[in-house]
């Protein structure tokens, strides 16, 4: 395993230890997890299988057929309720589908870039999938985050870029599959990411804007 500055080092840690948050379903610090097999650093320790996705000091590099599958633990089958997805991403080639988070089918939750717009999807059709306001930047790091509030029937999706709210949308999500793939969608069969992915989180709750900004602040030093 390659090692680097762990964010929990007392010289760098600030505030909440998000790794120990009981609502955290998945945490992958790809900037310091090397090898073809690895475990997520959360309470579940999901066994992850890497296809391609070469290690680099700031994360893993994904090209036309790379992906990381994080197992089929029931915790990753987000079938209902609130959630938050967060990921540090570097897009080096704009495309019609560049998936950051993907699932076991088109009906699982996917977070991807469509022609450099951030999109949240959980249905086969992308015709009405809501997009964030800010284009996904090319050739630079950005922290992309999206929350879903199951208690609201309108404005239930919120996008964040680099610590600030970037868009509000309404989406009737249809949950049927595991959200267990990084860097590709549709059961790792398509929508492959092009570029780097650094760290990835899935929470089973809606993180408030202040907490999202906090996580951005304590991790951004690795991507600047």
C-alpha atoms as a PDB file:
ATOM      1  CA  UNK A   1       0.000   0.000   0.000  1.00  0.00           C
ATOM      2  CA  UNK A   2       1.238   3.448  -0.854  1.00  0.00           C
ATOM      3  CA  UNK A   3       1.073   5.758   2.125  1.00  0.00           C
ATOM      4  CA  UNK A   4       0.752   9.491   2.319  1.00  0.00           C
ATOM      5  CA  UNK A   5      -0.416  12.135   4.748  1.00  0.00           C
ATOM      6  CA  UNK A   6      -3.495  10.667   6.337  1.00  0.00           C
ATOM      7  CA  UNK A   7      -6.076  13.360   6.950  1.00  0.00           C
ATOM      8  CA  UNK A   8      -6.445  12.108  10.546  1.00  0.00           C
ATOM      9  CA  UNK A   9      -2.846  13.057  11.330  1.00  0.00           C
ATOM     10  CA  UNK A  10      -3.100  15.507  14.271  1.00  0.00           C
ATOM     11  CA  UNK A  11      -1.163  18.094  12.257  1.00  0.00           C
ATOM     12  CA  UNK A  12      -3.884  18.133   9.600  1.00  0.00           C
ATOM     13  CA  UNK A  13      -7.141  16.889  11.101  1.00  0.00           C
ATOM     14  CA  UNK A  14      -9.870  19.448  11.711  1.00  0.00           C
ATOM     15  CA  UNK A  15     -13.020  18.642  13.667  1.00  0.00           C
ATOM     16  CA  UNK A  16     -15.238  15.661  12.944  1.00  0.00           C
ATOM     17  CA  UNK A  17     -13.747  12.267  12.146  1.00  0.00           C
ATOM     18  CA  UNK A  18     -16.068  11.484   9.228  1.00  0.00           C
ATOM     19  CA  UNK A  19     -14.593   7.983   8.850  1.00  0.00           C
ATOM     20  CA  UNK A  20     -16.330   6.996  12.108  1.00  0.00           C
ATOM     21  CA  UNK A  21     -19.694   8.536  11.189  1.00  0.00           C
ATOM     22  CA  UNK A  22     -22.286   5.721  11.540  1.00  0.00           C
ATOM     23  CA  UNK A  23     -24.170   7.028   8.490  1.00  0.00           C
ATOM     24  CA  UNK A  24     -21.079   6.641   6.280  1.00  0.00           C
ATOM     25  CA  UNK A  25     -21.706   3.700   3.925  1.00  0.00           C
ATOM     26  CA  UNK A  26     -18.534   4.014   1.865  1.00  0.00           C
ATOM     27  CA  UNK A  27     -15.241   5.888   2.108  1.00  0.00           C
ATOM     28  CA  UNK A  28     -12.492   5.287  -0.457  1.00  0.00           C
ATOM     29  CA  UNK A  29      -9.341   7.400  -0.133  1.00  0.00           C
ATOM     30  CA  UNK A  30      -8.004   6.380  -3.542  1.00  0.00           C
ATOM     31  CA  UNK A  31      -5.029   8.730  -3.216  1.00  0.00           C
ATOM     32  CA  UNK A  32      -3.381   6.261  -0.823  1.00  0.00           C
ATOM     33  CA  UNK A  33      -4.892   2.836  -1.575  1.00  0.00           C
ATOM     34  CA  UNK A  34      -2.692   0.915  -4.006  1.00  0.00           C
ATOM     35  CA  UNK A  35      -3.049  -2.529  -5.551  1.00  0.00           C
ATOM     36  CA  UNK A  36      -5.671  -4.475  -7.509  1.00  0.00           C
ATOM     37  CA  UNK A  37      -7.620  -5.344  -4.346  1.00  0.00           C
ATOM     38  CA  UNK A  38      -8.364  -2.991  -1.476  1.00  0.00           C
ATOM     39  CA  UNK A  39     -10.838  -2.330   1.318  1.00  0.00           C
ATOM     40  CA  UNK A  40     -12.879   0.770   1.915  1.00  0.00           C
ATOM     41  CA  UNK A  41     -12.041   2.694   5.079  1.00  0.00           C
ATOM     42  CA  UNK A  42     -15.436   2.786   6.753  1.00  0.00           C
ATOM     43  CA  UNK A  43     -17.257   0.587   9.261  1.00  0.00           C
ATOM     44  CA  UNK A  44     -18.066  -1.973   6.548  1.00  0.00           C
ATOM     45  CA  UNK A  45     -14.626  -2.501   5.025  1.00  0.00           C
ATOM     46  CA  UNK A  46     -16.079  -3.249   1.596  1.00  0.00           C
ATOM     47  CA  UNK A  47     -13.737  -5.485  -0.448  1.00  0.00           C
ATOM     48  CA  UNK A  48     -13.043  -3.606  -3.682  1.00  0.00           C
ATOM     49  CA  UNK A  49     -11.759  -4.997  -6.960  1.00  0.00           C
ATOM     50  CA  UNK A  50      -9.815  -2.677  -9.251  1.00  0.00           C
ATOM     51  CA  UNK A  51      -9.835  -3.093 -13.024  1.00  0.00           C
ATOM     52  CA  UNK A  52      -7.225  -0.808 -14.561  1.00  0.00           C
ATOM     53  CA  UNK A  53      -7.449   2.507 -12.673  1.00  0.00           C
ATOM     54  CA  UNK A  54      -3.718   2.969 -12.039  1.00  0.00           C
ATOM     55  CA  UNK A  55      -2.617   4.491  -8.737  1.00  0.00           C
ATOM     56  CA  UNK A  56      -1.244   8.034  -8.709  1.00  0.00           C
ATOM     57  CA  UNK A  57      -0.321  10.257  -5.717  1.00  0.00           C
ATOM     58  CA  UNK A  58      -3.653  12.104  -5.925  1.00  0.00           C
ATOM     59  CA  UNK A  59      -5.866   9.131  -6.733  1.00  0.00           C
ATOM     60  CA  UNK A  60      -6.583   6.602  -9.469  1.00  0.00           C
ATOM     61  CA  UNK A  61      -6.474   7.272 -13.188  1.00  0.00           C
ATOM     62  CA  UNK A  62      -9.421   5.912 -15.207  1.00  0.00           C
ATOM     63  CA  UNK A  63      -9.610   5.533 -18.987  1.00  0.00           C
ATOM     64  CA  UNK A  64     -11.942   3.830 -21.446  1.00  0.00           C
ATOM     65  CA  UNK A  65     -12.502   0.576 -19.553  1.00  0.00           C
ATOM     66  CA  UNK A  66     -11.348   1.135 -15.943  1.00  0.00           C
ATOM     67  CA  UNK A  67     -13.522   0.824 -12.858  1.00  0.00           C
ATOM     68  CA  UNK A  68     -13.577  -0.162  -9.182  1.00  0.00           C
ATOM     69  CA  UNK A  69     -16.357  -2.424  -7.888  1.00  0.00           C
ATOM     70  CA  UNK A  70     -17.049  -2.292  -4.149  1.00  0.00           C
ATOM     71  CA  UNK A  71     -18.893  -5.559  -3.581  1.00  0.00           C
ATOM     72  CA  UNK A  72     -22.551  -6.263  -2.905  1.00  0.00           C
ATOM     73  CA  UNK A  73     -22.931  -5.514   0.781  1.00  0.00           C
ATOM     74  CA  UNK A  74     -26.632  -4.675   1.412  1.00  0.00           C
ATOM     75  CA  UNK A  75     -25.495  -1.337   2.867  1.00  0.00           C
ATOM     76  CA  UNK A  76     -24.705  -0.202  -0.681  1.00  0.00           C
ATOM     77  CA  UNK A  77     -28.181  -1.026  -1.943  1.00  0.00           C
ATOM     78  CA  UNK A  78     -29.683   2.423  -1.448  1.00  0.00           C
ATOM     79  CA  UNK A  79     -33.337   1.561  -1.990  1.00  0.00           C
ATOM     80  CA  UNK A  80     -34.972   4.494  -0.240  1.00  0.00           C
ATOM     81  CA  UNK A  81     -34.294   7.427   2.039  1.00  0.00           C
ATOM     82  CA  UNK A  82     -31.783  10.251   2.201  1.00  0.00           C
ATOM     83  CA  UNK A  83     -28.249  10.071   0.860  1.00  0.00           C
ATOM     84  CA  UNK A  84     -25.195  12.157  -0.018  1.00  0.00           C
ATOM     85  CA  UNK A  85     -22.560  11.368  -2.654  1.00  0.00           C
ATOM     86  CA  UNK A  86     -19.199  13.171  -2.580  1.00  0.00           C
ATOM     87  CA  UNK A  87     -16.169  12.692  -4.805  1.00  0.00           C
ATOM     88  CA  UNK A  88     -12.965  14.479  -5.804  1.00  0.00           C
ATOM     89  CA  UNK A  89     -12.767  14.302  -9.595  1.00  0.00           C
ATOM     90  CA  UNK A  90     -10.513  15.429 -12.426  1.00  0.00           C
ATOM     91  CA  UNK A  91     -12.061  15.204 -15.898  1.00  0.00           C
ATOM     92  CA  UNK A  92      -9.574  15.143 -18.774  1.00  0.00           C
ATOM     93  CA  UNK A  93     -11.929  14.398 -21.680  1.00  0.00           C
ATOM     94  CA  UNK A  94     -15.523  15.603 -22.012  1.00  0.00           C
ATOM     95  CA  UNK A  95     -17.972  12.927 -23.155  1.00  0.00           C
ATOM     96  CA  UNK A  96     -21.677  12.124 -23.289  1.00  0.00           C
ATOM     97  CA  UNK A  97     -21.442   9.859 -20.214  1.00  0.00           C
ATOM     98  CA  UNK A  98     -18.529  10.030 -17.756  1.00  0.00           C
ATOM     99  CA  UNK A  99     -19.592   8.212 -14.602  1.00  0.00           C
ATOM    100  CA  UNK A 100     -18.114   9.003 -11.182  1.00  0.00           C
ATOM    101  CA  UNK A 101     -20.486   6.831  -9.092  1.00  0.00           C
ATOM    102  CA  UNK A 102     -22.305   3.974 -10.798  1.00  0.00           C
ATOM    103  CA  UNK A 103     -24.493   1.049  -9.925  1.00  0.00           C
ATOM    104  CA  UNK A 104     -25.372  -2.534 -10.682  1.00  0.00           C
ATOM    105  CA  UNK A 105     -27.965  -1.486 -13.270  1.00  0.00           C
ATOM    106  CA  UNK A 106     -29.238   1.650 -14.982  1.00  0.00           C
ATOM    107  CA  UNK A 107     -31.838   1.943 -12.204  1.00  0.00           C
ATOM    108  CA  UNK A 108     -29.226   2.259  -9.459  1.00  0.00           C
ATOM    109  CA  UNK A 109     -28.051   5.722  -8.428  1.00  0.00           C
ATOM    110  CA  UNK A 110     -25.504   7.208 -10.836  1.00  0.00           C
ATOM    111  CA  UNK A 111     -23.611  10.472 -10.590  1.00  0.00           C
ATOM    112  CA  UNK A 112     -21.946  11.350 -13.870  1.00  0.00           C
ATOM    113  CA  UNK A 113     -20.878  14.113 -16.207  1.00  0.00           C
ATOM    114  CA  UNK A 114     -22.844  14.430 -19.443  1.00  0.00           C
ATOM    115  CA  UNK A 115     -20.967  16.705 -21.836  1.00  0.00           C
ATOM    116  CA  UNK A 116     -19.380  18.198 -18.680  1.00  0.00           C
ATOM    117  CA  UNK A 117     -22.651  18.813 -16.782  1.00  0.00           C
ATOM    118  CA  UNK A 118     -23.009  17.006 -13.457  1.00  0.00           C
ATOM    119  CA  UNK A 119     -26.088  14.738 -13.581  1.00  0.00           C
ATOM    120  CA  UNK A 120     -27.848  12.531 -11.008  1.00  0.00           C
ATOM    121  CA  UNK A 121     -29.701   9.547 -12.460  1.00  0.00           C
ATOM    122  CA  UNK A 122     -31.500   6.456 -11.232  1.00  0.00           C
ATOM    123  CA  UNK A 123     -33.657   5.591 -14.253  1.00  0.00           C
ATOM    124  CA  UNK A 124     -32.797   4.274 -17.727  1.00  0.00           C
ATOM    125  CA  UNK A 125     -33.768   7.540 -19.443  1.00  0.00           C
ATOM    126  CA  UNK A 126     -31.669  10.671 -18.950  1.00  0.00           C
ATOM    127  CA  UNK A 127     -34.147  12.986 -20.675  1.00  0.00           C
ATOM    128  CA  UNK A 128     -35.272  14.621 -17.426  1.00  0.00           C
ATOM    129  CA  UNK A 129     -32.193  14.059 -15.286  1.00  0.00           C
ATOM    130  CA  UNK A 130     -31.355  17.300 -13.436  1.00  0.00           C
ATOM    131  CA  UNK A 131     -28.033  18.988 -14.032  1.00  0.00           C
ATOM    132  CA  UNK A 132     -25.926  21.232 -11.834  1.00  0.00           C
ATOM    133  CA  UNK A 133     -25.466  24.870 -12.861  1.00  0.00           C
ATOM    134  CA  UNK A 134     -21.670  24.900 -13.097  1.00  0.00           C
ATOM    135  CA  UNK A 135     -20.097  22.899 -15.948  1.00  0.00           C
ATOM    136  CA  UNK A 136     -17.844  20.089 -14.817  1.00  0.00           C
ATOM    137  CA  UNK A 137     -14.383  21.670 -15.175  1.00  0.00           C
ATOM    138  CA  UNK A 138     -11.915  20.018 -17.533  1.00  0.00           C
ATOM    139  CA  UNK A 139      -8.272  19.424 -16.612  1.00  0.00           C
ATOM    140  CA  UNK A 140      -8.693  20.579 -13.010  1.00  0.00           C
ATOM    141  CA  UNK A 141      -9.739  19.024  -9.698  1.00  0.00           C
ATOM    142  CA  UNK A 142     -13.200  19.681  -8.288  1.00  0.00           C
ATOM    143  CA  UNK A 143     -15.202  18.239  -5.431  1.00  0.00           C
ATOM    144  CA  UNK A 144     -18.589  17.182  -6.784  1.00  0.00           C
ATOM    145  CA  UNK A 145     -21.346  16.484  -4.321  1.00  0.00           C
ATOM    146  CA  UNK A 146     -25.039  15.774  -4.498  1.00  0.00           C
ATOM    147  CA  UNK A 147     -27.665  15.222  -1.802  1.00  0.00           C
ATOM    148  CA  UNK A 148     -31.127  13.699  -2.021  1.00  0.00           C
ATOM    149  CA  UNK A 149     -33.824  14.552   0.552  1.00  0.00           C
ATOM    150  CA  UNK A 150     -36.474  11.825   0.578  1.00  0.00           C
ATOM    151  CA  UNK A 151     -38.769  13.922   2.779  1.00  0.00           C
ATOM    152  CA  UNK A 152     -39.271  16.558   0.108  1.00  0.00           C
ATOM    153  CA  UNK A 153     -41.278  16.217  -3.110  1.00  0.00           C
ATOM    154  CA  UNK A 154     -39.745  19.291  -4.711  1.00  0.00           C
ATOM    155  CA  UNK A 155     -36.206  20.711  -4.783  1.00  0.00           C
ATOM    156  CA  UNK A 156     -35.055  17.409  -3.279  1.00  0.00           C
ATOM    157  CA  UNK A 157     -31.731  17.254  -5.152  1.00  0.00           C
ATOM    158  CA  UNK A 158     -28.930  19.675  -4.319  1.00  0.00           C
ATOM    159  CA  UNK A 159     -25.587  19.946  -6.086  1.00  0.00           C
ATOM    160  CA  UNK A 160     -22.385  21.321  -4.603  1.00  0.00           C
ATOM    161  CA  UNK A 161     -19.112  22.282  -6.260  1.00  0.00           C
ATOM    162  CA  UNK A 162     -16.030  22.926  -4.137  1.00  0.00           C
ATOM    163  CA  UNK A 163     -17.907  23.547  -0.926  1.00  0.00           C
ATOM    164  CA  UNK A 164     -20.791  25.755  -2.090  1.00  0.00           C
ATOM    165  CA  UNK A 165     -24.339  25.062  -3.312  1.00  0.00           C
ATOM    166  CA  UNK A 166     -24.461  25.006  -7.104  1.00  0.00           C
ATOM    167  CA  UNK A 167     -27.958  23.903  -8.053  1.00  0.00           C
ATOM    168  CA  UNK A 168     -31.349  22.715  -6.812  1.00  0.00           C
ATOM    169  CA  UNK A 169     -33.588  20.325  -8.734  1.00  0.00           C
ATOM    170  CA  UNK A 170     -36.523  17.939  -8.380  1.00  0.00           C
ATOM    171  CA  UNK A 171     -36.202  14.262  -9.244  1.00  0.00           C
ATOM    172  CA  UNK A 172     -38.442  11.265  -8.563  1.00  0.00           C
ATOM    173  CA  UNK A 173     -35.793   8.624  -7.984  1.00  0.00           C
ATOM    174  CA  UNK A 174     -36.478   4.960  -8.664  1.00  0.00           C
ATOM    175  CA  UNK A 175     -34.103   2.906  -6.498  1.00  0.00           C
ATOM    176  CA  UNK A 176     -33.607  -0.713  -7.547  1.00  0.00           C
ATOM    177  CA  UNK A 177     -29.895  -1.559  -7.520  1.00  0.00           C
ATOM    178  CA  UNK A 178     -26.567  -1.264  -5.749  1.00  0.00           C
ATOM    179  CA  UNK A 179     -24.537   1.932  -6.025  1.00  0.00           C
ATOM    180  CA  UNK A 180     -21.247   0.095  -5.810  1.00  0.00           C
ATOM    181  CA  UNK A 181     -19.055   1.125  -8.726  1.00  0.00           C
ATOM    182  CA  UNK A 182     -16.534   3.951  -9.021  1.00  0.00           C
ATOM    183  CA  UNK A 183     -15.502   5.217 -12.458  1.00  0.00           C
ATOM    184  CA  UNK A 184     -18.178   3.470 -14.544  1.00  0.00           C
ATOM    185  CA  UNK A 185     -21.910   2.748 -14.666  1.00  0.00           C
ATOM    186  CA  UNK A 186     -24.369   0.068 -15.744  1.00  0.00           C
ATOM    187  CA  UNK A 187     -22.707  -2.726 -13.772  1.00  0.00           C
ATOM    188  CA  UNK A 188     -19.255  -1.413 -14.762  1.00  0.00           C
ATOM    189  CA  UNK A 189     -20.089  -2.013 -18.405  1.00  0.00           C
ATOM    190  CA  UNK A 190     -20.242   1.535 -19.797  1.00  0.00           C
ATOM    191  CA  UNK A 191     -20.144   5.298 -19.057  1.00  0.00           C
ATOM    192  CA  UNK A 192     -16.466   5.068 -18.093  1.00  0.00           C
ATOM    193  CA  UNK A 193     -14.722   8.000 -16.425  1.00  0.00           C
ATOM    194  CA  UNK A 194     -11.815   9.682 -18.172  1.00  0.00           C
ATOM    195  CA  UNK A 195      -9.360  11.237 -15.734  1.00  0.00           C
ATOM    196  CA  UNK A 196      -8.637  10.961 -12.019  1.00  0.00           C
ATOM    197  CA  UNK A 197     -10.809  10.172  -9.001  1.00  0.00           C
ATOM    198  CA  UNK A 198      -9.326  10.953  -5.595  1.00  0.00           C
ATOM    199  CA  UNK A 199     -11.702  10.257  -2.699  1.00  0.00           C
ATOM    200  CA  UNK A 200     -15.287   8.994  -2.630  1.00  0.00           C
ATOM    201  CA  UNK A 201     -17.960   9.018   0.070  1.00  0.00           C
ATOM    202  CA  UNK A 202     -21.528   7.712   0.316  1.00  0.00           C
ATOM    203  CA  UNK A 203     -23.605   8.805   3.311  1.00  0.00           C
ATOM    204  CA  UNK A 204     -27.042   7.515   4.275  1.00  0.00           C
ATOM    205  CA  UNK A 205     -28.205  11.010   5.233  1.00  0.00           C
ATOM    206  CA  UNK A 206     -28.369  14.530   3.850  1.00  0.00           C
ATOM    207  CA  UNK A 207     -25.212  16.340   4.898  1.00  0.00           C
ATOM    208  CA  UNK A 208     -25.862  20.013   5.690  1.00  0.00           C
ATOM    209  CA  UNK A 209     -24.012  22.624   3.666  1.00  0.00           C
ATOM    210  CA  UNK A 210     -21.745  23.452   6.615  1.00  0.00           C
ATOM    211  CA  UNK A 211     -20.572  19.846   6.933  1.00  0.00           C
ATOM    212  CA  UNK A 212     -20.012  19.557   3.199  1.00  0.00           C
ATOM    213  CA  UNK A 213     -17.925  22.723   3.270  1.00  0.00           C
ATOM    214  CA  UNK A 214     -15.954  21.291   6.204  1.00  0.00           C
ATOM    215  CA  UNK A 215     -15.082  18.070   4.358  1.00  0.00           C
ATOM    216  CA  UNK A 216     -14.037  20.120   1.354  1.00  0.00           C
ATOM    217  CA  UNK A 217     -11.757  22.289   3.499  1.00  0.00           C
ATOM    218  CA  UNK A 218      -9.989  19.373   5.244  1.00  0.00           C
ATOM    219  CA  UNK A 219      -9.324  17.464   2.006  1.00  0.00           C
ATOM    220  CA  UNK A 220      -8.682  20.104  -0.655  1.00  0.00           C
ATOM    221  CA  UNK A 221      -4.968  20.432   0.114  1.00  0.00           C
ATOM    222  CA  UNK A 222      -4.375  17.137  -1.712  1.00  0.00           C
ATOM    223  CA  UNK A 223      -5.896  18.431  -4.936  1.00  0.00           C
ATOM    224  CA  UNK A 224      -4.363  21.873  -5.299  1.00  0.00           C
END
